[in-house]
């Protein structure tokens, strides 16, 4: 599960989903919300990592020793911000309640298991995971009102006389 949060893979699948939203579904605000949240979270996470400069746990690693500081967990923050963004988009666009809830639970489970795997592998402290989650929640909460306003404006832009 830890590979779901690998930086390159996260950007590839997020921008692929955003491209589908943008070009196939004509969900421009949703595409920008999803990819914009990830880019903003990546920048903020990097700033906090080097601001706190917390060393990684000194254990036997089950994977190749990661480079860079430990806090906050990029894997936890990136998968959580994608999960939050997708849960919001799913809530707004799907009409079938069962499908909606199943997809929302799926993206949340992926985020949670990815984060927990980072502790299991010995590359993060639990507080690194919590910090990543809180960063994702804070960014989502800050960006959501802007997204919601733009979504409303863009939806009715061409319908005004």
N, C-alpha and C. Protein backbone atom coordinates (compact mmCIF):
# COMPACT_ATOMS: atom_id res chain seq x y z
N UNK A 1 0.81 -1.20 0.00
CA UNK A 1 0.00 0.00 0.00
C UNK A 1 0.85 1.26 0.00
N UNK A 2 2.06 1.16 0.53
CA UNK A 2 2.88 2.36 0.63
C UNK A 2 3.18 2.98 -0.73
N UNK A 3 3.17 2.16 -1.79
CA UNK A 3 3.46 2.69 -3.13
C UNK A 3 2.37 3.61 -3.66
N UNK A 4 1.15 3.52 -3.10
CA UNK A 4 0.09 4.46 -3.51
C UNK A 4 0.49 5.89 -3.21
N UNK A 5 1.37 6.08 -2.23
CA UNK A 5 1.78 7.42 -1.86
C UNK A 5 3.11 7.86 -2.44
N UNK A 6 3.72 7.04 -3.28
CA UNK A 6 5.00 7.42 -3.88
C UNK A 6 4.79 8.67 -4.74
N UNK A 7 5.70 9.65 -4.57
CA UNK A 7 5.52 10.97 -5.17
C UNK A 7 5.20 10.93 -6.66
N UNK A 8 6.02 10.23 -7.43
CA UNK A 8 5.82 10.21 -8.88
C UNK A 8 4.49 9.56 -9.24
N UNK A 9 4.18 8.45 -8.58
CA UNK A 9 2.93 7.74 -8.85
C UNK A 9 1.72 8.59 -8.48
N UNK A 10 1.80 9.29 -7.36
CA UNK A 10 0.69 10.15 -6.93
C UNK A 10 0.40 11.22 -7.97
N UNK A 11 1.45 11.86 -8.46
CA UNK A 11 1.24 12.90 -9.47
C UNK A 11 0.68 12.32 -10.76
N UNK A 12 1.17 11.15 -11.16
CA UNK A 12 0.68 10.53 -12.40
C UNK A 12 -0.80 10.21 -12.29
N UNK A 13 -1.20 9.48 -11.24
CA UNK A 13 -2.62 9.10 -11.19
C UNK A 13 -3.52 10.28 -10.88
N UNK A 14 -3.05 11.26 -10.13
CA UNK A 14 -3.88 12.44 -9.86
C UNK A 14 -4.10 13.26 -11.13
N UNK A 15 -3.04 13.48 -11.89
CA UNK A 15 -3.19 14.26 -13.11
C UNK A 15 -3.95 13.47 -14.18
N UNK A 16 -3.85 12.14 -14.15
CA UNK A 16 -4.64 11.33 -15.09
C UNK A 16 -6.13 11.46 -14.76
N UNK A 17 -6.48 11.37 -13.48
CA UNK A 17 -7.88 11.54 -13.08
C UNK A 17 -8.34 12.96 -13.40
N UNK A 18 -7.49 13.94 -13.14
CA UNK A 18 -7.84 15.33 -13.45
C UNK A 18 -8.06 15.53 -14.94
N UNK A 19 -7.25 14.88 -15.76
CA UNK A 19 -7.41 15.00 -17.22
C UNK A 19 -8.74 14.41 -17.67
N UNK A 20 -9.12 13.28 -17.07
CA UNK A 20 -10.43 12.69 -17.39
C UNK A 20 -11.54 13.65 -16.98
N UNK A 21 -11.43 14.21 -15.78
CA UNK A 21 -12.43 15.18 -15.34
C UNK A 21 -12.50 16.36 -16.30
N UNK A 22 -11.36 16.88 -16.68
CA UNK A 22 -11.30 18.10 -17.49
C UNK A 22 -11.78 17.88 -18.92
N UNK A 23 -11.26 16.83 -19.57
CA UNK A 23 -11.52 16.65 -21.00
C UNK A 23 -12.73 15.76 -21.30
N UNK A 24 -12.93 14.72 -20.52
CA UNK A 24 -14.03 13.79 -20.82
C UNK A 24 -15.34 14.21 -20.17
N UNK A 25 -15.27 14.68 -18.95
CA UNK A 25 -16.47 15.01 -18.20
C UNK A 25 -16.81 16.50 -18.24
N UNK A 26 -15.87 17.30 -18.68
CA UNK A 26 -16.01 18.76 -18.68
C UNK A 26 -16.20 19.31 -17.26
N UNK A 27 -15.54 18.65 -16.31
CA UNK A 27 -15.56 19.09 -14.91
C UNK A 27 -14.27 19.87 -14.66
N UNK A 28 -14.21 21.06 -15.18
CA UNK A 28 -12.97 21.85 -15.10
C UNK A 28 -12.62 22.24 -13.66
N UNK A 29 -13.61 22.70 -12.91
CA UNK A 29 -13.32 23.10 -11.53
C UNK A 29 -12.90 21.90 -10.70
N UNK A 30 -13.48 20.75 -10.95
CA UNK A 30 -13.13 19.54 -10.20
C UNK A 30 -11.70 19.12 -10.52
N UNK A 31 -11.33 19.21 -11.78
CA UNK A 31 -9.96 18.87 -12.19
C UNK A 31 -8.95 19.80 -11.53
N UNK A 32 -9.26 21.08 -11.53
CA UNK A 32 -8.35 22.06 -10.90
C UNK A 32 -8.32 21.90 -9.39
N UNK A 33 -9.45 21.58 -8.79
CA UNK A 33 -9.52 21.34 -7.34
C UNK A 33 -8.63 20.17 -6.95
N UNK A 34 -8.77 19.06 -7.65
CA UNK A 34 -8.00 17.86 -7.33
C UNK A 34 -6.50 18.08 -7.54
N UNK A 35 -6.11 18.52 -8.72
CA UNK A 35 -4.68 18.69 -9.00
C UNK A 35 -4.09 19.87 -8.23
N UNK A 36 -4.86 20.94 -8.08
CA UNK A 36 -4.39 22.11 -7.33
C UNK A 36 -4.15 21.79 -5.87
N UNK A 37 -5.05 21.01 -5.27
CA UNK A 37 -4.86 20.60 -3.87
C UNK A 37 -3.58 19.81 -3.71
N UNK A 38 -3.31 18.90 -4.64
CA UNK A 38 -2.09 18.09 -4.55
C UNK A 38 -0.84 18.94 -4.67
N UNK A 39 -0.82 19.86 -5.62
CA UNK A 39 0.35 20.72 -5.81
C UNK A 39 0.57 21.60 -4.58
N UNK A 40 -0.50 22.19 -4.07
CA UNK A 40 -0.40 23.03 -2.88
C UNK A 40 0.07 22.22 -1.67
N UNK A 41 -0.47 21.02 -1.51
CA UNK A 41 -0.06 20.17 -0.40
C UNK A 41 1.41 19.78 -0.54
N UNK A 42 1.86 19.49 -1.76
CA UNK A 42 3.26 19.14 -1.97
C UNK A 42 4.20 20.27 -1.57
N UNK A 43 3.83 21.49 -1.94
CA UNK A 43 4.65 22.65 -1.58
C UNK A 43 4.66 22.87 -0.07
N UNK A 44 3.48 22.82 0.54
CA UNK A 44 3.39 23.05 1.99
C UNK A 44 4.10 21.95 2.77
N UNK A 45 3.95 20.72 2.33
CA UNK A 45 4.60 19.59 2.99
C UNK A 45 6.12 19.74 2.95
N UNK A 46 6.64 20.14 1.81
CA UNK A 46 8.09 20.33 1.67
C UNK A 46 8.58 21.44 2.59
N UNK A 47 7.84 22.53 2.64
CA UNK A 47 8.22 23.64 3.53
C UNK A 47 8.25 23.17 4.98
N UNK A 48 7.18 22.47 5.41
CA UNK A 48 7.14 22.00 6.80
C UNK A 48 8.21 20.96 7.08
N UNK A 49 8.51 20.09 6.12
CA UNK A 49 9.54 19.07 6.33
C UNK A 49 10.88 19.72 6.69
N UNK A 50 11.25 20.74 5.93
CA UNK A 50 12.55 21.35 6.16
C UNK A 50 12.51 22.40 7.26
N UNK A 51 11.34 22.88 7.59
CA UNK A 51 11.19 23.79 8.72
C UNK A 51 11.38 23.03 10.04
N UNK A 52 10.73 21.86 10.14
CA UNK A 52 10.84 21.04 11.36
C UNK A 52 12.09 20.18 11.35
N UNK A 53 12.49 19.69 10.18
CA UNK A 53 13.70 18.89 10.00
C UNK A 53 13.81 17.73 11.00
N UNK A 54 12.73 17.03 11.19
CA UNK A 54 12.68 15.92 12.13
C UNK A 54 13.31 14.67 11.52
N UNK A 55 14.25 14.04 12.24
CA UNK A 55 14.87 12.83 11.70
C UNK A 55 13.88 11.66 11.67
N UNK A 56 14.16 10.72 10.81
CA UNK A 56 13.32 9.52 10.71
C UNK A 56 13.58 8.61 11.90
N UNK A 57 12.64 7.70 12.17
CA UNK A 57 12.88 6.73 13.25
C UNK A 57 14.16 5.94 12.98
N UNK A 58 14.91 5.66 14.02
CA UNK A 58 16.16 4.92 13.84
C UNK A 58 15.90 3.44 14.10
N UNK A 59 15.31 2.81 13.11
CA UNK A 59 14.96 1.39 13.18
C UNK A 59 15.58 0.66 12.00
N UNK A 60 15.39 -0.65 12.01
CA UNK A 60 15.69 -1.43 10.81
C UNK A 60 14.55 -1.17 9.83
N UNK A 61 14.86 -0.59 8.70
CA UNK A 61 13.82 -0.29 7.71
C UNK A 61 13.48 -1.54 6.91
N UNK A 62 12.21 -1.71 6.63
CA UNK A 62 11.75 -2.82 5.79
C UNK A 62 11.79 -2.46 4.31
N UNK A 63 12.08 -1.20 4.04
CA UNK A 63 12.22 -0.70 2.68
C UNK A 63 13.50 0.12 2.63
N UNK A 64 13.88 0.54 1.45
CA UNK A 64 15.05 1.41 1.30
C UNK A 64 14.84 2.66 2.16
N UNK A 65 15.88 3.06 2.88
CA UNK A 65 15.76 4.21 3.77
C UNK A 65 15.38 5.45 2.97
N UNK A 66 14.27 6.08 3.36
CA UNK A 66 13.84 7.28 2.64
C UNK A 66 14.78 8.45 2.88
N UNK A 67 14.84 9.33 1.92
CA UNK A 67 15.65 10.53 2.05
C UNK A 67 14.79 11.64 2.65
N UNK A 68 15.42 12.57 3.30
CA UNK A 68 14.72 13.74 3.79
C UNK A 68 14.12 13.54 5.17
N UNK A 69 13.66 14.65 5.73
CA UNK A 69 13.07 14.63 7.06
C UNK A 69 11.76 13.85 7.12
N UNK A 70 11.32 13.59 8.35
CA UNK A 70 10.19 12.71 8.58
C UNK A 70 8.84 13.42 8.68
N UNK A 71 8.82 14.61 9.26
CA UNK A 71 7.54 15.29 9.56
C UNK A 71 7.26 16.43 8.60
N UNK A 72 6.06 16.50 8.04
CA UNK A 72 4.95 15.54 8.05
C UNK A 72 5.14 14.49 6.97
N UNK A 73 4.40 13.41 7.08
CA UNK A 73 4.49 12.34 6.09
C UNK A 73 3.86 12.78 4.77
N UNK A 74 4.69 12.78 3.72
CA UNK A 74 4.18 13.15 2.39
C UNK A 74 3.18 12.11 1.90
N UNK A 75 3.47 10.83 2.17
CA UNK A 75 2.57 9.76 1.75
C UNK A 75 1.19 9.94 2.39
N UNK A 76 1.18 10.20 3.70
CA UNK A 76 -0.10 10.38 4.40
C UNK A 76 -0.83 11.61 3.91
N UNK A 77 -0.11 12.71 3.75
CA UNK A 77 -0.74 13.97 3.33
C UNK A 77 -1.27 13.87 1.90
N UNK A 78 -0.47 13.30 1.00
CA UNK A 78 -0.89 13.26 -0.41
C UNK A 78 -2.08 12.34 -0.62
N UNK A 79 -2.04 11.16 -0.02
CA UNK A 79 -3.17 10.25 -0.22
C UNK A 79 -4.43 10.77 0.47
N UNK A 80 -4.26 11.46 1.60
CA UNK A 80 -5.44 12.00 2.30
C UNK A 80 -6.04 13.18 1.54
N UNK A 81 -5.22 14.06 0.99
CA UNK A 81 -5.79 15.20 0.27
C UNK A 81 -6.47 14.74 -1.02
N UNK A 82 -5.94 13.71 -1.64
CA UNK A 82 -6.61 13.14 -2.82
C UNK A 82 -7.93 12.49 -2.40
N UNK A 83 -7.90 11.76 -1.29
CA UNK A 83 -9.13 11.12 -0.80
C UNK A 83 -10.20 12.16 -0.47
N UNK A 84 -9.82 13.21 0.24
CA UNK A 84 -10.78 14.26 0.59
C UNK A 84 -11.34 14.91 -0.67
N UNK A 85 -10.47 15.26 -1.59
CA UNK A 85 -10.91 15.90 -2.83
C UNK A 85 -11.86 15.00 -3.61
N UNK A 86 -11.49 13.73 -3.75
CA UNK A 86 -12.35 12.80 -4.49
C UNK A 86 -13.66 12.54 -3.76
N UNK A 87 -13.63 12.48 -2.43
CA UNK A 87 -14.87 12.28 -1.68
C UNK A 87 -15.84 13.44 -1.90
N UNK A 88 -15.31 14.65 -1.95
CA UNK A 88 -16.15 15.83 -2.21
C UNK A 88 -16.73 15.76 -3.63
N UNK A 89 -15.88 15.46 -4.60
CA UNK A 89 -16.33 15.39 -5.99
C UNK A 89 -17.35 14.27 -6.18
N UNK A 90 -17.10 13.12 -5.57
CA UNK A 90 -18.04 12.00 -5.65
C UNK A 90 -19.38 12.39 -5.04
N UNK A 91 -19.34 13.06 -3.91
CA UNK A 91 -20.58 13.49 -3.24
C UNK A 91 -21.39 14.42 -4.14
N UNK A 92 -20.72 15.28 -4.87
CA UNK A 92 -21.41 16.26 -5.70
C UNK A 92 -21.93 15.69 -7.02
N UNK A 93 -21.30 14.64 -7.53
CA UNK A 93 -21.63 14.20 -8.89
C UNK A 93 -22.35 12.86 -9.00
N UNK A 94 -22.17 11.98 -8.06
CA UNK A 94 -22.85 10.69 -8.17
C UNK A 94 -24.23 10.78 -7.52
N UNK A 95 -25.18 10.14 -8.13
CA UNK A 95 -26.55 10.19 -7.60
C UNK A 95 -26.93 8.92 -6.85
N UNK A 96 -26.33 7.80 -7.19
CA UNK A 96 -26.67 6.55 -6.52
C UNK A 96 -25.92 6.47 -5.19
N UNK A 97 -26.69 6.42 -4.12
CA UNK A 97 -26.11 6.50 -2.78
C UNK A 97 -25.14 5.36 -2.49
N UNK A 98 -25.49 4.14 -2.86
CA UNK A 98 -24.62 3.00 -2.57
C UNK A 98 -23.28 3.13 -3.30
N UNK A 99 -23.31 3.47 -4.57
CA UNK A 99 -22.08 3.65 -5.34
C UNK A 99 -21.25 4.79 -4.77
N UNK A 100 -21.93 5.86 -4.39
CA UNK A 100 -21.26 7.03 -3.82
C UNK A 100 -20.52 6.64 -2.54
N UNK A 101 -21.21 5.96 -1.63
CA UNK A 101 -20.59 5.59 -0.36
C UNK A 101 -19.47 4.57 -0.55
N UNK A 102 -19.66 3.62 -1.44
CA UNK A 102 -18.62 2.62 -1.69
C UNK A 102 -17.34 3.26 -2.22
N UNK A 103 -17.47 4.17 -3.17
CA UNK A 103 -16.30 4.86 -3.71
C UNK A 103 -15.63 5.75 -2.67
N UNK A 104 -16.43 6.43 -1.86
CA UNK A 104 -15.86 7.28 -0.82
C UNK A 104 -15.10 6.45 0.21
N UNK A 105 -15.68 5.33 0.60
CA UNK A 105 -15.00 4.44 1.55
C UNK A 105 -13.72 3.88 0.93
N UNK A 106 -13.77 3.51 -0.33
CA UNK A 106 -12.59 2.97 -1.01
C UNK A 106 -11.43 3.96 -1.00
N UNK A 107 -11.67 5.21 -1.39
CA UNK A 107 -10.56 6.18 -1.42
C UNK A 107 -10.06 6.48 -0.02
N UNK A 108 -10.94 6.46 0.97
CA UNK A 108 -10.51 6.70 2.35
C UNK A 108 -9.69 5.52 2.87
N UNK A 109 -10.10 4.30 2.56
CA UNK A 109 -9.35 3.11 2.98
C UNK A 109 -7.95 3.11 2.36
N UNK A 110 -7.84 3.49 1.10
CA UNK A 110 -6.52 3.57 0.45
C UNK A 110 -5.64 4.57 1.18
N UNK A 111 -6.19 5.73 1.52
CA UNK A 111 -5.41 6.76 2.23
C UNK A 111 -4.99 6.25 3.61
N UNK A 112 -5.90 5.63 4.34
CA UNK A 112 -5.59 5.16 5.69
C UNK A 112 -4.58 4.02 5.68
N UNK A 113 -4.74 3.06 4.79
CA UNK A 113 -3.80 1.94 4.77
C UNK A 113 -2.42 2.37 4.27
N UNK A 114 -2.38 3.32 3.36
CA UNK A 114 -1.08 3.85 2.92
C UNK A 114 -0.36 4.49 4.10
N UNK A 115 -1.07 5.30 4.86
CA UNK A 115 -0.47 5.98 6.01
C UNK A 115 0.00 4.98 7.07
N UNK A 116 -0.84 4.02 7.38
CA UNK A 116 -0.48 3.03 8.39
C UNK A 116 0.72 2.21 7.93
N UNK A 117 0.82 1.93 6.65
CA UNK A 117 1.97 1.17 6.14
C UNK A 117 3.28 1.90 6.38
N UNK A 118 3.24 3.22 6.41
CA UNK A 118 4.46 4.00 6.64
C UNK A 118 4.97 3.81 8.07
N UNK A 119 4.06 3.66 9.02
CA UNK A 119 4.46 3.37 10.40
C UNK A 119 4.99 1.94 10.48
N UNK A 120 4.26 1.01 9.89
CA UNK A 120 4.65 -0.40 9.90
C UNK A 120 6.04 -0.59 9.30
N UNK A 121 6.34 0.13 8.23
CA UNK A 121 7.65 0.01 7.57
C UNK A 121 8.77 0.70 8.35
N UNK A 122 8.40 1.44 9.39
CA UNK A 122 9.39 2.08 10.25
C UNK A 122 9.97 3.37 9.71
N UNK A 123 9.32 3.99 8.73
CA UNK A 123 9.87 5.21 8.14
C UNK A 123 9.21 6.48 8.68
N UNK A 124 8.15 6.32 9.50
CA UNK A 124 7.49 7.47 10.10
C UNK A 124 7.03 7.15 11.51
N UNK A 125 7.00 8.19 12.33
CA UNK A 125 6.35 8.13 13.63
C UNK A 125 4.85 8.35 13.42
N UNK A 126 4.01 7.88 14.35
CA UNK A 126 2.57 8.16 14.23
C UNK A 126 2.26 9.66 14.13
N UNK A 127 3.04 10.48 14.81
CA UNK A 127 2.79 11.93 14.75
C UNK A 127 3.09 12.50 13.36
N UNK A 128 3.98 11.87 12.61
CA UNK A 128 4.24 12.30 11.22
C UNK A 128 2.99 12.07 10.36
N UNK A 129 2.34 10.94 10.60
CA UNK A 129 1.11 10.61 9.87
C UNK A 129 0.01 11.60 10.24
N UNK A 130 -0.16 11.82 11.52
CA UNK A 130 -1.18 12.76 11.99
C UNK A 130 -0.92 14.15 11.42
N UNK A 131 0.33 14.57 11.41
CA UNK A 131 0.69 15.87 10.84
C UNK A 131 0.35 15.96 9.36
N UNK A 132 0.60 14.88 8.61
CA UNK A 132 0.25 14.84 7.19
C UNK A 132 -1.25 14.92 6.98
N UNK A 133 -1.99 14.18 7.81
CA UNK A 133 -3.46 14.22 7.70
C UNK A 133 -4.00 15.61 8.02
N UNK A 134 -3.47 16.21 9.09
CA UNK A 134 -3.95 17.55 9.47
C UNK A 134 -3.62 18.58 8.40
N UNK A 135 -2.46 18.45 7.78
CA UNK A 135 -2.10 19.35 6.68
C UNK A 135 -3.08 19.19 5.52
N UNK A 136 -3.41 17.96 5.18
CA UNK A 136 -4.37 17.70 4.09
C UNK A 136 -5.74 18.27 4.42
N UNK A 137 -6.18 18.09 5.64
CA UNK A 137 -7.49 18.61 6.06
C UNK A 137 -7.49 20.14 6.03
N UNK A 138 -6.42 20.75 6.53
CA UNK A 138 -6.34 22.22 6.56
C UNK A 138 -6.35 22.80 5.14
N UNK A 139 -5.58 22.23 4.25
CA UNK A 139 -5.55 22.73 2.86
C UNK A 139 -6.91 22.54 2.20
N UNK A 140 -7.51 21.38 2.39
CA UNK A 140 -8.83 21.13 1.81
C UNK A 140 -9.86 22.12 2.34
N UNK A 141 -9.82 22.38 3.63
CA UNK A 141 -10.77 23.33 4.23
C UNK A 141 -10.55 24.74 3.73
N UNK A 142 -9.30 25.10 3.47
CA UNK A 142 -9.00 26.45 2.97
C UNK A 142 -9.37 26.61 1.50
N UNK A 143 -9.17 25.57 0.71
CA UNK A 143 -9.40 25.65 -0.73
C UNK A 143 -10.87 25.41 -1.10
N UNK A 144 -11.58 24.62 -0.30
CA UNK A 144 -12.96 24.25 -0.66
C UNK A 144 -13.88 25.44 -0.94
N UNK A 145 -13.90 26.49 -0.12
CA UNK A 145 -14.80 27.61 -0.43
C UNK A 145 -14.51 28.26 -1.78
N UNK A 146 -13.25 28.35 -2.14
CA UNK A 146 -12.87 28.92 -3.44
C UNK A 146 -13.37 28.00 -4.56
N UNK A 147 -13.14 26.71 -4.41
CA UNK A 147 -13.60 25.73 -5.39
C UNK A 147 -15.12 25.80 -5.54
N UNK A 148 -15.83 25.83 -4.43
CA UNK A 148 -17.29 25.83 -4.47
C UNK A 148 -17.82 27.08 -5.18
N UNK A 149 -17.20 28.22 -4.90
CA UNK A 149 -17.62 29.47 -5.55
C UNK A 149 -17.35 29.42 -7.05
N UNK A 150 -16.15 28.99 -7.43
CA UNK A 150 -15.81 28.90 -8.86
C UNK A 150 -16.68 27.88 -9.58
N UNK A 151 -16.96 26.78 -8.92
CA UNK A 151 -17.82 25.76 -9.52
C UNK A 151 -19.19 26.35 -9.83
N UNK A 152 -19.72 27.11 -8.90
CA UNK A 152 -21.02 27.76 -9.10
C UNK A 152 -20.95 28.79 -10.23
N UNK A 153 -19.93 29.64 -10.20
CA UNK A 153 -19.79 30.68 -11.23
C UNK A 153 -19.63 30.09 -12.62
N UNK A 154 -18.75 29.09 -12.76
CA UNK A 154 -18.47 28.52 -14.06
C UNK A 154 -19.66 27.74 -14.61
N UNK A 155 -20.44 27.14 -13.72
CA UNK A 155 -21.59 26.38 -14.17
C UNK A 155 -22.62 27.27 -14.84
N UNK A 156 -22.78 28.49 -14.34
CA UNK A 156 -23.81 29.39 -14.85
C UNK A 156 -23.26 30.51 -15.73
N UNK A 157 -21.98 30.49 -16.00
CA UNK A 157 -21.34 31.55 -16.78
C UNK A 157 -21.98 31.74 -18.16
N UNK A 158 -22.18 30.68 -18.88
CA UNK A 158 -22.72 30.77 -20.24
C UNK A 158 -24.25 30.84 -20.28
N UNK A 159 -24.90 30.71 -19.14
CA UNK A 159 -26.35 30.69 -19.11
C UNK A 159 -26.97 32.05 -18.82
N UNK A 160 -26.12 33.04 -18.59
CA UNK A 160 -26.63 34.39 -18.31
C UNK A 160 -26.80 35.15 -19.62
N UNK A 161 -27.84 35.97 -19.68
CA UNK A 161 -28.10 36.78 -20.90
C UNK A 161 -27.36 38.08 -20.86
